[in-house]
């Protein structure tokens, strides 16, 4: 069984006048709980709210201990999909606790911790609420496929929309990967116009039926679950087409890199592709090896196509950390020959 803090994904806490971001290890734990992390490609739903958010989480994704979270955000895998090629990760953000004074992670967790360096460049004191919006926008939205915001958990529906808008103002998501948004409410509230959230993809609204003893919880959230799953499929198709469908193993490594980047750099935004090189440097002798290899191919009259296949294989094997290799069928044979 997981420890009480085992599902904490991210911590944001203050020590003196300094702020820190720390990994809670939750993403790593849900990754290792999967059957084959390098070959599974999860989708992540980010639930934002308080009481309504938690009620929906427990109804839609039961089976988890109701432990008291310590971190800014929590994450776990939907057990019913843990063996699927596309498992479902559930991330959760309690807006009330997120903006309160956060406690640091327990010392024995042993996970990465980074001082928020760019705050020293700010001419004024940054409050907890502003920091949360920045971290959600610059970090958590990068790993969310669907954002589900429970408007009744905010003072007003407009406040919920404004929170998401503030988070998005700090984000610079790729045009090929825009999270879908689902606004959830119990009321029949309708805006005069659709909210302006260009950072996101399709925006949907789900109205929950009133609580009733005659209505099972599963029926109350049936429309919401269907909307979640259809939104996930839309994002998954777009990510697959743009070659941004990352494995669980990739996402875990990328999150640690993104956490370090967001804490230390005010700009530019985190880049998934550059991260594979920045934190996995090319070996010093690679270019010498390639030069020797090309000369060998020329001496043996190898075709250009065959030479390029071998070179591409070398680059592919070098560009990913151990355990993240997924060989392209065209290059599979050259990879084995090289090894």
C-alpha atoms as a PDB file:
ATOM      1  CA  UNK A   1       0.000   0.000   0.000  1.00  0.00           C
ATOM      2  CA  UNK A   2       1.205   3.508  -0.757  1.00  0.00           C
ATOM      3  CA  UNK A   3       2.357   5.719   2.099  1.00  0.00           C
ATOM      4  CA  UNK A   4       0.254   8.678   3.163  1.00  0.00           C
ATOM      5  CA  UNK A   5       2.290  11.066   1.054  1.00  0.00           C
ATOM      6  CA  UNK A   6       2.984   8.591  -1.726  1.00  0.00           C
ATOM      7  CA  UNK A   7       0.677  10.273  -4.243  1.00  0.00           C
ATOM      8  CA  UNK A   8       1.857  13.836  -3.739  1.00  0.00           C
ATOM      9  CA  UNK A   9       3.027  15.010  -7.148  1.00  0.00           C
ATOM     10  CA  UNK A  10       4.377  18.473  -6.456  1.00  0.00           C
ATOM     11  CA  UNK A  11       5.220  20.626  -3.448  1.00  0.00           C
ATOM     12  CA  UNK A  12       5.444  24.427  -3.376  1.00  0.00           C
ATOM     13  CA  UNK A  13       6.513  25.813  -0.013  1.00  0.00           C
ATOM     14  CA  UNK A  14       8.165  28.839   1.552  1.00  0.00           C
ATOM     15  CA  UNK A  15      11.194  28.844   3.837  1.00  0.00           C
ATOM     16  CA  UNK A  16      11.925  32.297   5.173  1.00  0.00           C
ATOM     17  CA  UNK A  17      11.603  34.629   2.199  1.00  0.00           C
ATOM     18  CA  UNK A  18      12.465  31.949  -0.372  1.00  0.00           C
ATOM     19  CA  UNK A  19      10.071  29.703  -2.285  1.00  0.00           C
ATOM     20  CA  UNK A  20      10.876  26.139  -3.306  1.00  0.00           C
ATOM     21  CA  UNK A  21       9.403  23.598  -5.722  1.00  0.00           C
ATOM     22  CA  UNK A  22       9.893  19.926  -4.933  1.00  0.00           C
ATOM     23  CA  UNK A  23       8.866  16.667  -6.538  1.00  0.00           C
ATOM     24  CA  UNK A  24       6.631  14.540  -4.346  1.00  0.00           C
ATOM     25  CA  UNK A  25       7.440  11.333  -6.195  1.00  0.00           C
ATOM     26  CA  UNK A  26       3.790  10.624  -7.000  1.00  0.00           C
ATOM     27  CA  UNK A  27       4.308  10.547 -10.753  1.00  0.00           C
ATOM     28  CA  UNK A  28       7.241   8.196 -10.373  1.00  0.00           C
ATOM     29  CA  UNK A  29       5.167   5.858  -8.204  1.00  0.00           C
ATOM     30  CA  UNK A  30       2.205   5.706 -10.583  1.00  0.00           C
ATOM     31  CA  UNK A  31       4.644   5.148 -13.450  1.00  0.00           C
ATOM     32  CA  UNK A  32       6.296   2.180 -11.764  1.00  0.00           C
ATOM     33  CA  UNK A  33       2.855   0.762 -10.904  1.00  0.00           C
ATOM     34  CA  UNK A  34       2.095   0.287 -14.615  1.00  0.00           C
ATOM     35  CA  UNK A  35       2.714  -3.020 -16.380  1.00  0.00           C
ATOM     36  CA  UNK A  36       5.221  -1.714 -18.949  1.00  0.00           C
ATOM     37  CA  UNK A  37       5.902   2.049 -18.550  1.00  0.00           C
ATOM     38  CA  UNK A  38       8.155   2.453 -21.639  1.00  0.00           C
ATOM     39  CA  UNK A  39       5.395   1.052 -23.873  1.00  0.00           C
ATOM     40  CA  UNK A  40       2.362   2.708 -22.238  1.00  0.00           C
ATOM     41  CA  UNK A  41       1.209   6.198 -23.186  1.00  0.00           C
ATOM     42  CA  UNK A  42      -0.937   7.754 -20.467  1.00  0.00           C
ATOM     43  CA  UNK A  43      -3.415  10.609 -20.637  1.00  0.00           C
ATOM     44  CA  UNK A  44      -3.786  12.938 -17.656  1.00  0.00           C
ATOM     45  CA  UNK A  45      -6.903  14.647 -16.326  1.00  0.00           C
ATOM     46  CA  UNK A  46      -6.274  17.604 -13.992  1.00  0.00           C
ATOM     47  CA  UNK A  47      -9.153  18.149 -11.538  1.00  0.00           C
ATOM     48  CA  UNK A  48      -9.299  21.657 -10.020  1.00  0.00           C
ATOM     49  CA  UNK A  49     -11.575  22.611  -7.139  1.00  0.00           C
ATOM     50  CA  UNK A  50     -12.343  21.633  -3.529  1.00  0.00           C
ATOM     51  CA  UNK A  51     -15.378  19.705  -2.228  1.00  0.00           C
ATOM     52  CA  UNK A  52     -17.124  19.154  -5.572  1.00  0.00           C
ATOM     53  CA  UNK A  53     -13.816  18.112  -7.113  1.00  0.00           C
ATOM     54  CA  UNK A  54     -13.179  15.562  -4.377  1.00  0.00           C
ATOM     55  CA  UNK A  55     -16.735  14.183  -4.540  1.00  0.00           C
ATOM     56  CA  UNK A  56     -16.392  13.671  -8.290  1.00  0.00           C
ATOM     57  CA  UNK A  57     -12.962  12.063  -7.917  1.00  0.00           C
ATOM     58  CA  UNK A  58     -14.203   9.553  -5.361  1.00  0.00           C
ATOM     59  CA  UNK A  59     -17.300   8.719  -7.425  1.00  0.00           C
ATOM     60  CA  UNK A  60     -15.518   8.385 -10.770  1.00  0.00           C
ATOM     61  CA  UNK A  61     -12.245   6.833  -9.625  1.00  0.00           C
ATOM     62  CA  UNK A  62     -12.882   4.904  -6.387  1.00  0.00           C
ATOM     63  CA  UNK A  63     -10.537   2.548  -4.635  1.00  0.00           C
ATOM     64  CA  UNK A  64      -7.932   4.970  -3.336  1.00  0.00           C
ATOM     65  CA  UNK A  65      -7.335   5.642   0.375  1.00  0.00           C
ATOM     66  CA  UNK A  66      -8.660   9.020   1.397  1.00  0.00           C
ATOM     67  CA  UNK A  67      -5.332  10.151   2.830  1.00  0.00           C
ATOM     68  CA  UNK A  68      -4.624  13.740   3.686  1.00  0.00           C
ATOM     69  CA  UNK A  69      -2.498  15.310   0.935  1.00  0.00           C
ATOM     70  CA  UNK A  70       0.452  17.478   1.877  1.00  0.00           C
ATOM     71  CA  UNK A  71       1.565  18.759  -1.512  1.00  0.00           C
ATOM     72  CA  UNK A  72       0.312  21.305  -4.016  1.00  0.00           C
ATOM     73  CA  UNK A  73      -0.928  18.614  -6.421  1.00  0.00           C
ATOM     74  CA  UNK A  74      -1.551  14.869  -6.255  1.00  0.00           C
ATOM     75  CA  UNK A  75      -1.558  12.206  -8.951  1.00  0.00           C
ATOM     76  CA  UNK A  76      -2.427   8.523  -9.254  1.00  0.00           C
ATOM     77  CA  UNK A  77      -3.272   5.982 -11.934  1.00  0.00           C
ATOM     78  CA  UNK A  78      -6.770   4.694 -12.605  1.00  0.00           C
ATOM     79  CA  UNK A  79      -6.339   1.041 -11.606  1.00  0.00           C
ATOM     80  CA  UNK A  80      -8.836  -0.164 -14.201  1.00  0.00           C
ATOM     81  CA  UNK A  81      -6.563   1.134 -16.991  1.00  0.00           C
ATOM     82  CA  UNK A  82      -3.128   0.345 -15.520  1.00  0.00           C
ATOM     83  CA  UNK A  83      -2.635  -2.521 -17.979  1.00  0.00           C
ATOM     84  CA  UNK A  84      -3.870  -0.628 -21.047  1.00  0.00           C
ATOM     85  CA  UNK A  85      -1.679   0.846 -23.764  1.00  0.00           C
ATOM     86  CA  UNK A  86      -3.186   4.232 -22.882  1.00  0.00           C
ATOM     87  CA  UNK A  87      -3.693   4.290 -19.098  1.00  0.00           C
ATOM     88  CA  UNK A  88      -5.404   7.168 -17.327  1.00  0.00           C
ATOM     89  CA  UNK A  89      -3.645   9.372 -14.777  1.00  0.00           C
ATOM     90  CA  UNK A  90      -5.737  11.501 -12.408  1.00  0.00           C
ATOM     91  CA  UNK A  91      -4.133  14.697 -11.097  1.00  0.00           C
ATOM     92  CA  UNK A  92      -5.806  16.790  -8.426  1.00  0.00           C
ATOM     93  CA  UNK A  93      -5.386  20.386  -7.234  1.00  0.00           C
ATOM     94  CA  UNK A  94      -7.242  21.682  -4.154  1.00  0.00           C
ATOM     95  CA  UNK A  95      -7.454  25.443  -4.733  1.00  0.00           C
ATOM     96  CA  UNK A  96      -8.038  26.280  -1.058  1.00  0.00           C
ATOM     97  CA  UNK A  97      -5.107  24.274   0.278  1.00  0.00           C
ATOM     98  CA  UNK A  98      -2.913  25.201  -2.687  1.00  0.00           C
ATOM     99  CA  UNK A  99      -3.050  28.886  -1.793  1.00  0.00           C
ATOM    100  CA  UNK A 100      -2.546  28.265   1.932  1.00  0.00           C
ATOM    101  CA  UNK A 101       0.916  28.031   3.423  1.00  0.00           C
ATOM    102  CA  UNK A 102       2.281  24.734   2.128  1.00  0.00           C
ATOM    103  CA  UNK A 103       4.366  22.385   4.228  1.00  0.00           C
ATOM    104  CA  UNK A 104       7.677  21.085   2.867  1.00  0.00           C
ATOM    105  CA  UNK A 105       7.926  17.387   1.965  1.00  0.00           C
ATOM    106  CA  UNK A 106       9.109  14.956   4.576  1.00  0.00           C
ATOM    107  CA  UNK A 107      12.895  14.710   4.576  1.00  0.00           C
ATOM    108  CA  UNK A 108      12.927  10.976   3.943  1.00  0.00           C
ATOM    109  CA  UNK A 109      11.197  11.342   0.554  1.00  0.00           C
ATOM    110  CA  UNK A 110      14.554  12.000  -1.101  1.00  0.00           C
ATOM    111  CA  UNK A 111      13.084  13.717  -4.158  1.00  0.00           C
ATOM    112  CA  UNK A 112      14.427  16.732  -6.038  1.00  0.00           C
ATOM    113  CA  UNK A 113      13.947  20.194  -4.534  1.00  0.00           C
ATOM    114  CA  UNK A 114      14.678  23.491  -6.307  1.00  0.00           C
ATOM    115  CA  UNK A 115      14.702  27.093  -5.135  1.00  0.00           C
ATOM    116  CA  UNK A 116      12.532  29.386  -7.276  1.00  0.00           C
ATOM    117  CA  UNK A 117      15.400  31.553  -8.494  1.00  0.00           C
ATOM    118  CA  UNK A 118      13.472  34.000 -10.670  1.00  0.00           C
ATOM    119  CA  UNK A 119      11.474  35.369  -7.733  1.00  0.00           C
ATOM    120  CA  UNK A 120      14.544  37.375  -6.723  1.00  0.00           C
ATOM    121  CA  UNK A 121      14.082  39.379  -9.934  1.00  0.00           C
ATOM    122  CA  UNK A 122      10.577  40.463  -8.923  1.00  0.00           C
ATOM    123  CA  UNK A 123      10.355  44.040  -7.575  1.00  0.00           C
ATOM    124  CA  UNK A 124       7.497  43.077  -5.234  1.00  0.00           C
ATOM    125  CA  UNK A 125       6.618  40.189  -2.966  1.00  0.00           C
ATOM    126  CA  UNK A 126       4.886  37.330  -4.765  1.00  0.00           C
ATOM    127  CA  UNK A 127       1.991  35.815  -2.847  1.00  0.00           C
ATOM    128  CA  UNK A 128       1.077  32.151  -2.650  1.00  0.00           C
ATOM    129  CA  UNK A 129      -1.897  32.541  -5.002  1.00  0.00           C
ATOM    130  CA  UNK A 130       0.204  34.179  -7.710  1.00  0.00           C
ATOM    131  CA  UNK A 131       2.899  31.513  -7.388  1.00  0.00           C
ATOM    132  CA  UNK A 132       0.315  28.727  -7.654  1.00  0.00           C
ATOM    133  CA  UNK A 133      -1.109  30.239 -10.854  1.00  0.00           C
ATOM    134  CA  UNK A 134       2.391  30.514 -12.301  1.00  0.00           C
ATOM    135  CA  UNK A 135       3.328  26.931 -11.415  1.00  0.00           C
ATOM    136  CA  UNK A 136       0.052  25.536 -12.758  1.00  0.00           C
ATOM    137  CA  UNK A 137       0.464  27.483 -16.000  1.00  0.00           C
ATOM    138  CA  UNK A 138       4.152  26.864 -16.612  1.00  0.00           C
ATOM    139  CA  UNK A 139       4.403  23.307 -15.281  1.00  0.00           C
ATOM    140  CA  UNK A 140       1.228  21.315 -14.608  1.00  0.00           C
ATOM    141  CA  UNK A 141      -0.606  22.347 -17.791  1.00  0.00           C
ATOM    142  CA  UNK A 142       2.308  20.921 -19.799  1.00  0.00           C
ATOM    143  CA  UNK A 143       1.361  17.466 -18.546  1.00  0.00           C
ATOM    144  CA  UNK A 144      -2.446  17.775 -18.628  1.00  0.00           C
ATOM    145  CA  UNK A 145      -4.591  16.533 -21.501  1.00  0.00           C
ATOM    146  CA  UNK A 146      -7.899  17.596 -19.968  1.00  0.00           C
ATOM    147  CA  UNK A 147      -8.524  20.255 -17.315  1.00  0.00           C
ATOM    148  CA  UNK A 148     -11.731  19.738 -15.351  1.00  0.00           C
ATOM    149  CA  UNK A 149     -12.634  22.828 -13.305  1.00  0.00           C
ATOM    150  CA  UNK A 150     -15.464  22.643 -10.757  1.00  0.00           C
ATOM    151  CA  UNK A 151     -16.958  26.133 -10.800  1.00  0.00           C
ATOM    152  CA  UNK A 152     -19.130  25.665  -7.705  1.00  0.00           C
ATOM    153  CA  UNK A 153     -15.943  25.333  -5.642  1.00  0.00           C
ATOM    154  CA  UNK A 154     -15.138  28.985  -6.344  1.00  0.00           C
ATOM    155  CA  UNK A 155     -16.859  32.021  -4.826  1.00  0.00           C
ATOM    156  CA  UNK A 156     -18.368  32.771  -8.232  1.00  0.00           C
ATOM    157  CA  UNK A 157     -18.278  31.038 -11.584  1.00  0.00           C
ATOM    158  CA  UNK A 158     -16.386  34.000 -13.003  1.00  0.00           C
ATOM    159  CA  UNK A 159     -13.702  33.537 -10.350  1.00  0.00           C
ATOM    160  CA  UNK A 160     -13.094  29.991 -11.551  1.00  0.00           C
ATOM    161  CA  UNK A 161     -12.762  31.118 -15.149  1.00  0.00           C
ATOM    162  CA  UNK A 162     -10.426  33.924 -14.097  1.00  0.00           C
ATOM    163  CA  UNK A 163      -8.241  31.466 -12.166  1.00  0.00           C
ATOM    164  CA  UNK A 164      -7.804  29.362 -15.283  1.00  0.00           C
ATOM    165  CA  UNK A 165      -7.186  32.472 -17.371  1.00  0.00           C
ATOM    166  CA  UNK A 166      -4.489  33.637 -14.932  1.00  0.00           C
ATOM    167  CA  UNK A 167      -2.803  30.229 -15.105  1.00  0.00           C
ATOM    168  CA  UNK A 168      -2.918  30.288 -18.904  1.00  0.00           C
ATOM    169  CA  UNK A 169      -1.318  33.750 -18.989  1.00  0.00           C
ATOM    170  CA  UNK A 170       1.891  32.167 -17.667  1.00  0.00           C
ATOM    171  CA  UNK A 171       1.773  29.276 -20.133  1.00  0.00           C
ATOM    172  CA  UNK A 172       3.030  28.944 -23.695  1.00  0.00           C
ATOM    173  CA  UNK A 173       1.662  25.590 -24.781  1.00  0.00           C
ATOM    174  CA  UNK A 174       2.312  24.189 -28.230  1.00  0.00           C
ATOM    175  CA  UNK A 175      -0.397  24.711 -30.854  1.00  0.00           C
ATOM    176  CA  UNK A 176      -0.322  20.961 -31.469  1.00  0.00           C
ATOM    177  CA  UNK A 177      -0.991  20.139 -27.809  1.00  0.00           C
ATOM    178  CA  UNK A 178      -3.793  22.174 -26.274  1.00  0.00           C
ATOM    179  CA  UNK A 179      -5.553  20.732 -23.223  1.00  0.00           C
ATOM    180  CA  UNK A 180      -9.318  20.441 -23.422  1.00  0.00           C
ATOM    181  CA  UNK A 181     -11.341  22.221 -20.711  1.00  0.00           C
ATOM    182  CA  UNK A 182     -14.491  21.007 -18.974  1.00  0.00           C
ATOM    183  CA  UNK A 183     -16.408  23.420 -16.740  1.00  0.00           C
ATOM    184  CA  UNK A 184     -18.536  21.522 -14.218  1.00  0.00           C
ATOM    185  CA  UNK A 185     -21.419  23.056 -12.259  1.00  0.00           C
ATOM    186  CA  UNK A 186     -24.642  22.105 -10.490  1.00  0.00           C
ATOM    187  CA  UNK A 187     -26.528  25.225 -11.559  1.00  0.00           C
ATOM    188  CA  UNK A 188     -28.071  26.302 -14.848  1.00  0.00           C
ATOM    189  CA  UNK A 189     -25.720  29.292 -14.979  1.00  0.00           C
ATOM    190  CA  UNK A 190     -24.956  30.487 -18.483  1.00  0.00           C
ATOM    191  CA  UNK A 191     -22.463  33.092 -19.598  1.00  0.00           C
ATOM    192  CA  UNK A 192     -23.444  35.744 -22.073  1.00  0.00           C
ATOM    193  CA  UNK A 193     -20.522  34.586 -24.218  1.00  0.00           C
ATOM    194  CA  UNK A 194     -17.983  31.772 -24.250  1.00  0.00           C
ATOM    195  CA  UNK A 195     -14.922  32.394 -22.038  1.00  0.00           C
ATOM    196  CA  UNK A 196     -11.880  33.637 -23.913  1.00  0.00           C
ATOM    197  CA  UNK A 197      -9.245  30.968 -23.275  1.00  0.00           C
ATOM    198  CA  UNK A 198      -7.133  30.748 -26.458  1.00  0.00           C
ATOM    199  CA  UNK A 199      -4.438  28.698 -24.705  1.00  0.00           C
ATOM    200  CA  UNK A 200      -6.805  25.744 -24.496  1.00  0.00           C
ATOM    201  CA  UNK A 201      -8.585  23.594 -27.032  1.00  0.00           C
ATOM    202  CA  UNK A 202     -12.282  22.765 -27.009  1.00  0.00           C
ATOM    203  CA  UNK A 203     -14.230  24.113 -24.018  1.00  0.00           C
ATOM    204  CA  UNK A 204     -17.183  22.075 -22.791  1.00  0.00           C
ATOM    205  CA  UNK A 205     -19.771  22.569 -20.054  1.00  0.00           C
ATOM    206  CA  UNK A 206     -21.283  19.793 -17.942  1.00  0.00           C
ATOM    207  CA  UNK A 207     -24.184  20.361 -15.568  1.00  0.00           C
ATOM    208  CA  UNK A 208     -24.440  17.861 -12.729  1.00  0.00           C
ATOM    209  CA  UNK A 209     -27.920  16.739 -11.640  1.00  0.00           C
ATOM    210  CA  UNK A 210     -28.966  17.609  -8.094  1.00  0.00           C
ATOM    211  CA  UNK A 211     -28.011  15.256  -5.281  1.00  0.00           C
ATOM    212  CA  UNK A 212     -30.675  12.651  -4.665  1.00  0.00           C
ATOM    213  CA  UNK A 213     -30.826   9.463  -2.630  1.00  0.00           C
ATOM    214  CA  UNK A 214     -32.687   7.885  -5.517  1.00  0.00           C
ATOM    215  CA  UNK A 215     -29.888   8.672  -7.969  1.00  0.00           C
ATOM    216  CA  UNK A 216     -26.711   6.550  -7.685  1.00  0.00           C
ATOM    217  CA  UNK A 217     -23.479   8.530  -7.684  1.00  0.00           C
ATOM    218  CA  UNK A 218     -22.345   6.712 -10.818  1.00  0.00           C
ATOM    219  CA  UNK A 219     -25.400   8.068 -12.673  1.00  0.00           C
ATOM    220  CA  UNK A 220     -24.861  11.595 -11.372  1.00  0.00           C
ATOM    221  CA  UNK A 221     -21.403  11.750 -12.911  1.00  0.00           C
ATOM    222  CA  UNK A 222     -22.119   9.648 -16.002  1.00  0.00           C
ATOM    223  CA  UNK A 223     -22.236  12.613 -18.408  1.00  0.00           C
ATOM    224  CA  UNK A 224     -19.081  14.063 -16.896  1.00  0.00           C
ATOM    225  CA  UNK A 225     -17.163  10.803 -17.327  1.00  0.00           C
ATOM    226  CA  UNK A 226     -18.290  10.457 -20.939  1.00  0.00           C
ATOM    227  CA  UNK A 227     -17.193  14.035 -21.616  1.00  0.00           C
ATOM    228  CA  UNK A 228     -13.821  13.400 -19.974  1.00  0.00           C
ATOM    229  CA  UNK A 229     -13.158  10.290 -22.040  1.00  0.00           C
ATOM    230  CA  UNK A 230     -14.198  11.874 -25.340  1.00  0.00           C
ATOM    231  CA  UNK A 231     -12.001  14.910 -24.594  1.00  0.00           C
ATOM    232  CA  UNK A 232      -9.064  12.622 -23.852  1.00  0.00           C
ATOM    233  CA  UNK A 233      -9.511  10.860 -27.180  1.00  0.00           C
ATOM    234  CA  UNK A 234      -9.448  14.188 -29.030  1.00  0.00           C
ATOM    235  CA  UNK A 235      -6.213  15.285 -27.376  1.00  0.00           C
ATOM    236  CA  UNK A 236      -4.637  11.851 -27.768  1.00  0.00           C
ATOM    237  CA  UNK A 237      -5.293  11.876 -31.518  1.00  0.00           C
ATOM    238  CA  UNK A 238      -3.729  15.316 -31.871  1.00  0.00           C
ATOM    239  CA  UNK A 239      -0.679  14.382 -29.833  1.00  0.00           C
ATOM    240  CA  UNK A 240      -0.213  11.167 -31.782  1.00  0.00           C
ATOM    241  CA  UNK A 241      -0.390  13.028 -35.103  1.00  0.00           C
ATOM    242  CA  UNK A 242       2.171  15.610 -33.949  1.00  0.00           C
ATOM    243  CA  UNK A 243       4.523  12.945 -32.496  1.00  0.00           C
ATOM    244  CA  UNK A 244       3.997  14.186 -28.925  1.00  0.00           C
ATOM    245  CA  UNK A 245       2.464  11.039 -27.491  1.00  0.00           C
ATOM    246  CA  UNK A 246       5.022  10.304 -24.791  1.00  0.00           C
ATOM    247  CA  UNK A 247       5.363   7.085 -22.831  1.00  0.00           C
ATOM    248  CA  UNK A 248       4.895   7.020 -19.065  1.00  0.00           C
ATOM    249  CA  UNK A 249       8.648   6.608 -18.717  1.00  0.00           C
ATOM    250  CA  UNK A 250       9.195   9.712 -20.850  1.00  0.00           C
ATOM    251  CA  UNK A 251       6.664  11.780 -18.891  1.00  0.00           C
ATOM    252  CA  UNK A 252       8.295  10.972 -15.576  1.00  0.00           C
ATOM    253  CA  UNK A 253      11.750  11.989 -16.812  1.00  0.00           C
ATOM    254  CA  UNK A 254      10.373  15.067 -18.565  1.00  0.00           C
ATOM    255  CA  UNK A 255       8.538  16.208 -15.433  1.00  0.00           C
ATOM    256  CA  UNK A 256      11.742  16.220 -13.389  1.00  0.00           C
ATOM    257  CA  UNK A 257      13.442  18.257 -16.125  1.00  0.00           C
ATOM    258  CA  UNK A 258      10.485  20.648 -16.390  1.00  0.00           C
ATOM    259  CA  UNK A 259      10.379  21.112 -12.613  1.00  0.00           C
ATOM    260  CA  UNK A 260      14.047  22.089 -12.576  1.00  0.00           C
ATOM    261  CA  UNK A 261      13.544  24.445 -15.525  1.00  0.00           C
ATOM    262  CA  UNK A 262      10.453  26.194 -14.139  1.00  0.00           C
ATOM    263  CA  UNK A 263      12.134  26.766 -10.772  1.00  0.00           C
ATOM    264  CA  UNK A 264      15.346  28.195 -12.205  1.00  0.00           C
ATOM    265  CA  UNK A 265      14.208  30.077 -15.338  1.00  0.00           C
ATOM    266  CA  UNK A 266      11.569  32.790 -15.713  1.00  0.00           C
ATOM    267  CA  UNK A 267      11.752  32.268 -19.478  1.00  0.00           C
ATOM    268  CA  UNK A 268      11.740  30.668 -21.993  1.00  0.00           C
ATOM    269  CA  UNK A 269       9.134  27.968 -21.471  1.00  0.00           C
ATOM    270  CA  UNK A 270      10.122  24.325 -21.072  1.00  0.00           C
ATOM    271  CA  UNK A 271      10.834  22.557 -24.367  1.00  0.00           C
ATOM    272  CA  UNK A 272      10.369  18.781 -24.418  1.00  0.00           C
ATOM    273  CA  UNK A 273      12.657  18.221 -27.406  1.00  0.00           C
ATOM    274  CA  UNK A 274      15.534  20.363 -26.147  1.00  0.00           C
ATOM    275  CA  UNK A 275      15.274  18.671 -22.755  1.00  0.00           C
ATOM    276  CA  UNK A 276      16.305  15.325 -24.248  1.00  0.00           C
ATOM    277  CA  UNK A 277      19.625  16.883 -25.209  1.00  0.00           C
ATOM    278  CA  UNK A 278      20.229  19.323 -22.381  1.00  0.00           C
ATOM    279  CA  UNK A 279      20.080  16.708 -19.636  1.00  0.00           C
ATOM    280  CA  UNK A 280      21.457  13.821 -21.715  1.00  0.00           C
ATOM    281  CA  UNK A 281      24.576  15.221 -23.298  1.00  0.00           C
ATOM    282  CA  UNK A 282      26.145  13.783 -26.440  1.00  0.00           C
ATOM    283  CA  UNK A 283      29.241  11.709 -25.784  1.00  0.00           C
ATOM    284  CA  UNK A 284      32.463  13.551 -26.598  1.00  0.00           C
ATOM    285  CA  UNK A 285      33.635  10.919 -29.070  1.00  0.00           C
ATOM    286  CA  UNK A 286      30.356  10.494 -30.983  1.00  0.00           C
ATOM    287  CA  UNK A 287      31.441  12.656 -33.914  1.00  0.00           C
ATOM    288  CA  UNK A 288      34.746  10.785 -34.219  1.00  0.00           C
ATOM    289  CA  UNK A 289      32.869   7.488 -34.245  1.00  0.00           C
ATOM    290  CA  UNK A 290      30.513   8.741 -36.956  1.00  0.00           C
ATOM    291  CA  UNK A 291      33.407   9.982 -39.095  1.00  0.00           C
ATOM    292  CA  UNK A 292      35.160   6.630 -38.821  1.00  0.00           C
ATOM    293  CA  UNK A 293      31.889   4.891 -39.619  1.00  0.00           C
ATOM    294  CA  UNK A 294      31.247   6.962 -42.773  1.00  0.00           C
ATOM    295  CA  UNK A 295      34.788   6.273 -43.984  1.00  0.00           C
ATOM    296  CA  UNK A 296      34.236   2.553 -43.372  1.00  0.00           C
ATOM    297  CA  UNK A 297      30.950   2.629 -45.310  1.00  0.00           C
ATOM    298  CA  UNK A 298      32.614   4.421 -48.219  1.00  0.00           C
ATOM    299  CA  UNK A 299      35.479   1.925 -48.286  1.00  0.00           C
ATOM    300  CA  UNK A 300      32.980  -0.946 -48.449  1.00  0.00           C
ATOM    301  CA  UNK A 301      30.774   0.796 -51.050  1.00  0.00           C
ATOM    302  CA  UNK A 302      27.713   0.826 -48.777  1.00  0.00           C
ATOM    303  CA  UNK A 303      24.655   2.575 -50.216  1.00  0.00           C
ATOM    304  CA  UNK A 304      23.701   6.027 -48.965  1.00  0.00           C
ATOM    305  CA  UNK A 305      20.372   4.691 -47.681  1.00  0.00           C
ATOM    306  CA  UNK A 306      22.041   1.972 -45.615  1.00  0.00           C
ATOM    307  CA  UNK A 307      24.608   4.423 -44.235  1.00  0.00           C
ATOM    308  CA  UNK A 308      21.935   6.917 -43.187  1.00  0.00           C
ATOM    309  CA  UNK A 309      19.896   4.177 -41.501  1.00  0.00           C
ATOM    310  CA  UNK A 310      22.839   3.232 -39.321  1.00  0.00           C
ATOM    311  CA  UNK A 311      23.629   6.882 -38.516  1.00  0.00           C
ATOM    312  CA  UNK A 312      19.998   7.618 -37.638  1.00  0.00           C
ATOM    313  CA  UNK A 313      19.977   4.592 -35.356  1.00  0.00           C
ATOM    314  CA  UNK A 314      23.066   5.870 -33.549  1.00  0.00           C
ATOM    315  CA  UNK A 315      21.475   9.266 -32.991  1.00  0.00           C
ATOM    316  CA  UNK A 316      18.255   7.676 -31.757  1.00  0.00           C
ATOM    317  CA  UNK A 317      20.020   5.429 -29.275  1.00  0.00           C
ATOM    318  CA  UNK A 318      22.111   8.310 -27.973  1.00  0.00           C
ATOM    319  CA  UNK A 319      19.291  10.833 -27.648  1.00  0.00           C
ATOM    320  CA  UNK A 320      17.232   9.071 -24.991  1.00  0.00           C
ATOM    321  CA  UNK A 321      18.078   8.157 -21.403  1.00  0.00           C
ATOM    322  CA  UNK A 322      18.331   4.409 -20.663  1.00  0.00           C
ATOM    323  CA  UNK A 323      14.964   2.679 -20.644  1.00  0.00           C
ATOM    324  CA  UNK A 324      13.334   5.199 -22.984  1.00  0.00           C
ATOM    325  CA  UNK A 325      14.327   3.647 -26.326  1.00  0.00           C
ATOM    326  CA  UNK A 326      11.530   2.804 -28.732  1.00  0.00           C
ATOM    327  CA  UNK A 327      13.082   1.588 -31.990  1.00  0.00           C
ATOM    328  CA  UNK A 328      11.424   2.545 -35.267  1.00  0.00           C
ATOM    329  CA  UNK A 329      10.655  -0.619 -37.352  1.00  0.00           C
ATOM    330  CA  UNK A 330      12.675   0.774 -40.285  1.00  0.00           C
ATOM    331  CA  UNK A 331      15.737   1.185 -38.080  1.00  0.00           C
ATOM    332  CA  UNK A 332      15.252  -1.853 -35.846  1.00  0.00           C
ATOM    333  CA  UNK A 333      17.620  -4.131 -37.761  1.00  0.00           C
ATOM    334  CA  UNK A 334      20.488  -1.588 -37.939  1.00  0.00           C
ATOM    335  CA  UNK A 335      20.083  -0.958 -34.204  1.00  0.00           C
ATOM    336  CA  UNK A 336      20.579  -4.635 -33.423  1.00  0.00           C
ATOM    337  CA  UNK A 337      23.547  -4.864 -35.795  1.00  0.00           C
ATOM    338  CA  UNK A 338      25.215  -1.884 -34.107  1.00  0.00           C
ATOM    339  CA  UNK A 339      24.653  -3.368 -30.674  1.00  0.00           C
END
